[in-house]
C-alpha atoms as a PDB file:
ATOM      1  CA  MET A   1     118.933  71.889  93.881  1.00  0.00           C
ATOM      2  CA  ALA A   2     115.138  71.415  94.474  1.00  0.00           C
ATOM      3  CA  THR A   3     115.342  73.941  97.788  1.00  0.00           C
ATOM      4  CA  LYS A   4     117.089  76.436  95.971  1.00  0.00           C
ATOM      5  CA  ALA A   5     114.293  76.354  93.265  1.00  0.00           C
ATOM      6  CA  ARG A   6     111.898  76.469  96.032  1.00  0.00           C
ATOM      7  CA  PHE A   7     113.328  79.518  97.927  1.00  0.00           C
ATOM      8  CA  ALA A   8     113.902  81.343  94.434  1.00  0.00           C
ATOM      9  CA  LEU A   9     109.975  80.870  93.841  1.00  0.00           C
ATOM     10  CA  LEU A  10     108.884  81.477  97.373  1.00  0.00           C
ATOM     11  CA  GLY A  11     111.229  84.603  97.712  1.00  0.00           C
ATOM     12  CA  ALA A  12     109.911  85.993  94.279  1.00  0.00           C
ATOM     13  CA  TRP A  13     106.120  85.360  95.435  1.00  0.00           C
ATOM     14  CA  ARG A  14     107.087  87.252  98.778  1.00  0.00           C
ATOM     15  CA  ALA A  15     108.736  90.095  96.822  1.00  0.00           C
ATOM     16  CA  LEU A  16     105.461  90.589  94.656  1.00  0.00           C
ATOM     17  CA  ARG A  17     103.567  91.098  97.695  1.00  0.00           C
ATOM     18  CA  LEU A  18     106.351  93.164  99.181  1.00  0.00           C
ATOM     19  CA  ARG A  19     107.193  90.884 102.140  1.00  0.00           C
ATOM     20  CA  CYS A  20     110.545  89.699 103.285  1.00  0.00           C
ATOM     21  CA  PRO A  21     112.157  87.380 100.879  1.00  0.00           C
ATOM     22  CA  LEU A  22     113.419  85.051 103.790  1.00  0.00           C
ATOM     23  CA  CYS A  23     110.509  85.163 106.477  1.00  0.00           C
ATOM     24  CA  GLY A  24     107.612  86.290 104.614  1.00  0.00           C
ATOM     25  CA  ALA A  25     106.878  89.374 107.100  1.00  0.00           C
ATOM     26  CA  GLY A  26     105.128  92.628 105.887  1.00  0.00           C
ATOM     27  CA  GLY A  27     106.363  95.949 106.577  1.00  0.00           C
ATOM     28  CA  VAL A  28     109.305  95.963 104.757  1.00  0.00           C
ATOM     29  CA  THR A  29     108.747  99.288 102.597  1.00  0.00           C
ATOM     30  CA  ARG A  30     107.939 102.615 103.622  1.00  0.00           C
ATOM     31  CA  ARG A  31     105.880 104.501 101.389  1.00  0.00           C
ATOM     32  CA  TRP A  32     106.387 103.112  97.642  1.00  0.00           C
ATOM     33  CA  VAL A  33     110.184 103.612  96.958  1.00  0.00           C
ATOM     34  CA  ILE A  34     111.930 103.249 100.402  1.00  0.00           C
ATOM     35  CA  VAL A  35     112.892  99.678 101.610  1.00  0.00           C
ATOM     36  CA  VAL A  36     113.250  99.667 105.441  1.00  0.00           C
ATOM     37  CA  PRO A  37     116.864  98.888 106.700  1.00  0.00           C
ATOM     38  CA  GLN A  38     115.866  95.395 108.105  1.00  0.00           C
ATOM     39  CA  CYS A  39     112.909  92.965 108.171  1.00  0.00           C
ATOM     40  CA  PRO A  40     110.691  93.790 111.302  1.00  0.00           C
ATOM     41  CA  ARG A  41     110.514  89.999 112.006  1.00  0.00           C
ATOM     42  CA  CYS A  42     113.622  88.522 111.144  1.00  0.00           C
ATOM     43  CA  ARG A  43     115.826  91.512 111.301  1.00  0.00           C
ATOM     44  CA  LEU A  44     117.543  90.523 108.088  1.00  0.00           C
ATOM     45  CA  ARG A  45     119.522  93.582 106.647  1.00  0.00           C
ATOM     46  CA  LEU A  46     117.666  94.256 103.687  1.00  0.00           C
ATOM     47  CA  ASP A  47     120.759  96.007 102.308  1.00  0.00           C
ATOM     48  CA  ARG A  48     123.854  93.717 102.269  1.00  0.00           C
ATOM     49  CA  GLY A  49     126.295  96.294 103.104  1.00  0.00           C
ATOM     50  CA  GLU A  50     128.078  96.474 100.089  1.00  0.00           C
ATOM     51  CA  PRO A  51     128.944  99.658  98.028  1.00  0.00           C
ATOM     52  CA  ASP A  52     126.806  99.954  94.983  1.00  0.00           C
ATOM     53  CA  TYR A  53     124.626  96.914  96.362  1.00  0.00           C
ATOM     54  CA  TRP A  54     121.459  97.992  94.492  1.00  0.00           C
ATOM     55  CA  ILE A  55     122.730  97.983  91.090  1.00  0.00           C
ATOM     56  CA  GLY A  56     121.917  94.543  90.541  1.00  0.00           C
ATOM     57  CA  ALA A  57     118.154  95.842  91.492  1.00  0.00           C
ATOM     58  CA  MET A  58     118.440  98.421  89.136  1.00  0.00           C
ATOM     59  CA  LEU A  59     119.121  95.966  86.444  1.00  0.00           C
ATOM     60  CA  PHE A  60     116.047  93.862  87.436  1.00  0.00           C
ATOM     61  CA  ASN A  61     114.288  96.974  87.227  1.00  0.00           C
ATOM     62  CA  LEU A  62     115.047  97.947  83.957  1.00  0.00           C
ATOM     63  CA  ILE A  63     114.437  94.435  82.545  1.00  0.00           C
ATOM     64  CA  ALA A  64     111.049  94.121  84.180  1.00  0.00           C
ATOM     65  CA  ALA A  65     109.862  97.495  82.992  1.00  0.00           C
ATOM     66  CA  GLU A  66     110.871  96.675  79.679  1.00  0.00           C
ATOM     67  CA  ILE A  67     109.382  93.459  79.376  1.00  0.00           C
ATOM     68  CA  LEU A  68     106.107  94.907  80.914  1.00  0.00           C
ATOM     69  CA  PHE A  69     106.158  97.553  78.447  1.00  0.00           C
ATOM     70  CA  ALA A  70     107.074  95.357  75.393  1.00  0.00           C
ATOM     71  CA  SER A  71     104.016  93.196  76.424  1.00  0.00           C
ATOM     72  CA  GLY A  72     101.706  95.926  76.343  1.00  0.00           C
ATOM     73  CA  VAL A  73     102.751  97.109  72.942  1.00  0.00           C
ATOM     74  CA  LEU A  74     102.726  93.737  71.459  1.00  0.00           C
ATOM     75  CA  THR A  75      99.151  92.922  72.981  1.00  0.00           C
ATOM     76  CA  VAL A  76      97.666  96.206  71.553  1.00  0.00           C
ATOM     77  CA  LEU A  77      99.261  95.418  68.349  1.00  0.00           C
ATOM     78  CA  LEU A  78      97.763  91.923  68.047  1.00  0.00           C
ATOM     79  CA  LEU A  79      94.459  93.317  69.358  1.00  0.00           C
ATOM     80  CA  THR A  80      93.952  96.091  66.971  1.00  0.00           C
ATOM     81  CA  ALA A  81      95.519  94.689  63.884  1.00  0.00           C
ATOM     82  CA  PRO A  82      95.383  95.465  61.033  1.00  0.00           C
ATOM     83  CA  ASN A  83      95.039  99.464  62.131  1.00  0.00           C
ATOM     84  CA  PRO A  84      96.648  99.943  65.191  1.00  0.00           C
ATOM     85  CA  PRO A  85      96.178 103.294  67.198  1.00  0.00           C
ATOM     86  CA  TRP A  86      99.817 104.814  66.684  1.00  0.00           C
ATOM     87  CA  ASP A  87      99.301 108.020  68.352  1.00  0.00           C
ATOM     88  CA  ALA A  88      97.683 105.824  71.314  1.00  0.00           C
ATOM     89  CA  LEU A  89     100.870 103.891  71.447  1.00  0.00           C
ATOM     90  CA  TYR A  90     103.247 106.636  71.248  1.00  0.00           C
ATOM     91  CA  TRP A  91     101.716 108.571  74.000  1.00  0.00           C
ATOM     92  CA  GLY A  92     101.000 105.458  76.046  1.00  0.00           C
ATOM     93  CA  GLY A  93     104.590 104.349  75.383  1.00  0.00           C
ATOM     94  CA  ILE A  94     105.954 107.667  76.742  1.00  0.00           C
ATOM     95  CA  ALA A  95     103.694 107.030  79.855  1.00  0.00           C
ATOM     96  CA  GLY A  96     104.782 103.579  80.273  1.00  0.00           C
ATOM     97  CA  THR A  97     108.419 104.336  79.842  1.00  0.00           C
ATOM     98  CA  ILE A  98     108.293 106.799  82.783  1.00  0.00           C
ATOM     99  CA  ALA A  99     105.650 104.796  85.101  1.00  0.00           C
ATOM    100  CA  MET A 100     106.960 101.248  84.711  1.00  0.00           C
ATOM    101  CA  PRO A 101     110.370 101.584  86.770  1.00  0.00           C
ATOM    102  CA  ILE A 102     108.343 103.301  89.352  1.00  0.00           C
ATOM    103  CA  VAL A 103     105.740 100.762  89.899  1.00  0.00           C
ATOM    104  CA  THR A 104     107.983  97.763  89.748  1.00  0.00           C
ATOM    105  CA  TYR A 105     110.883  99.568  91.771  1.00  0.00           C
ATOM    106  CA  PRO A 106     110.278  98.086  95.324  1.00  0.00           C
ATOM    107  CA  ILE A 107     109.199  94.605  93.921  1.00  0.00           C
ATOM    108  CA  THR A 108     112.521  94.371  91.740  1.00  0.00           C
ATOM    109  CA  LYS A 109     114.665  95.385  94.909  1.00  0.00           C
ATOM    110  CA  LEU A 110     113.040  92.452  96.927  1.00  0.00           C
ATOM    111  CA  ILE A 111     113.387  90.202  94.191  1.00  0.00           C
ATOM    112  CA  TRP A 112     117.076  91.174  93.558  1.00  0.00           C
ATOM    113  CA  LEU A 113     117.768  90.458  97.447  1.00  0.00           C
ATOM    114  CA  THR A 114     116.182  86.988  97.009  1.00  0.00           C
ATOM    115  CA  PHE A 115     118.498  86.377  94.054  1.00  0.00           C
ATOM    116  CA  ASP A 116     121.349  87.656  96.179  1.00  0.00           C
ATOM    117  CA  LEU A 117     120.269  85.216  99.134  1.00  0.00           C
ATOM    118  CA  LEU A 118     120.416  82.286  96.628  1.00  0.00           C
ATOM    119  CA  PHE A 119     124.003  82.821  95.989  1.00  0.00           C
ATOM    120  CA  ARG A 120     124.971  84.083  99.348  1.00  0.00           C
ATOM    121  CA  PRO A 121     123.040  82.716 102.206  1.00  0.00           C
ATOM    122  CA  PRO A 122     122.345  84.958 105.141  1.00  0.00           C
ATOM    123  CA  HIS A 123     125.245  84.544 108.098  1.00  0.00           C
ATOM    124  CA  PRO A 124     124.813  85.908 111.798  1.00  0.00           C
ATOM    125  CA  GLY A 125     126.368  89.363 110.410  1.00  0.00           C
ATOM    126  CA  ASP A 126     123.380  90.006 108.260  1.00  0.00           C
ATOM    127  CA  PHE A 127     121.226  90.259 111.034  1.00  0.00           C
ATOM    128  CA  ALA A 128     120.576  93.353 112.745  1.00  0.00           C
ATOM    129  CA  PRO A 129     120.656  93.053 116.571  1.00  0.00           C
ATOM    130  CA  ALA A 130     117.569  93.169 118.621  1.00  0.00           C
ATOM    131  CA  PRO A 131     116.318  96.299 119.777  1.00  0.00           C
END
């Protein structure tokens, strides 16, 4: 059990730095929102090949964006009590609701891949052939 927890923490740390959750190699994203088809070092296919595979990543994205947004609003409310800046919270909330899913998108895709690798360890078919 300790090895799974270690892999989960290590994979999440690698995902936060936009690296392959399996080997830690960089270069797994192209621009901000595009994850490359396979890891440049270990050749792990980053899309596990199932229809609608990334729905889990979208769920993780929604959860991460909402947690960050709610944390920001709560922090502003606590720091500015008893007179919070309601207009700034309103407009900042709109901007945050739009920006957070975009900011967290590639990270949550790689965290989803880490989560998937915990329950379905890679097998030889999950690796792309060498060029």
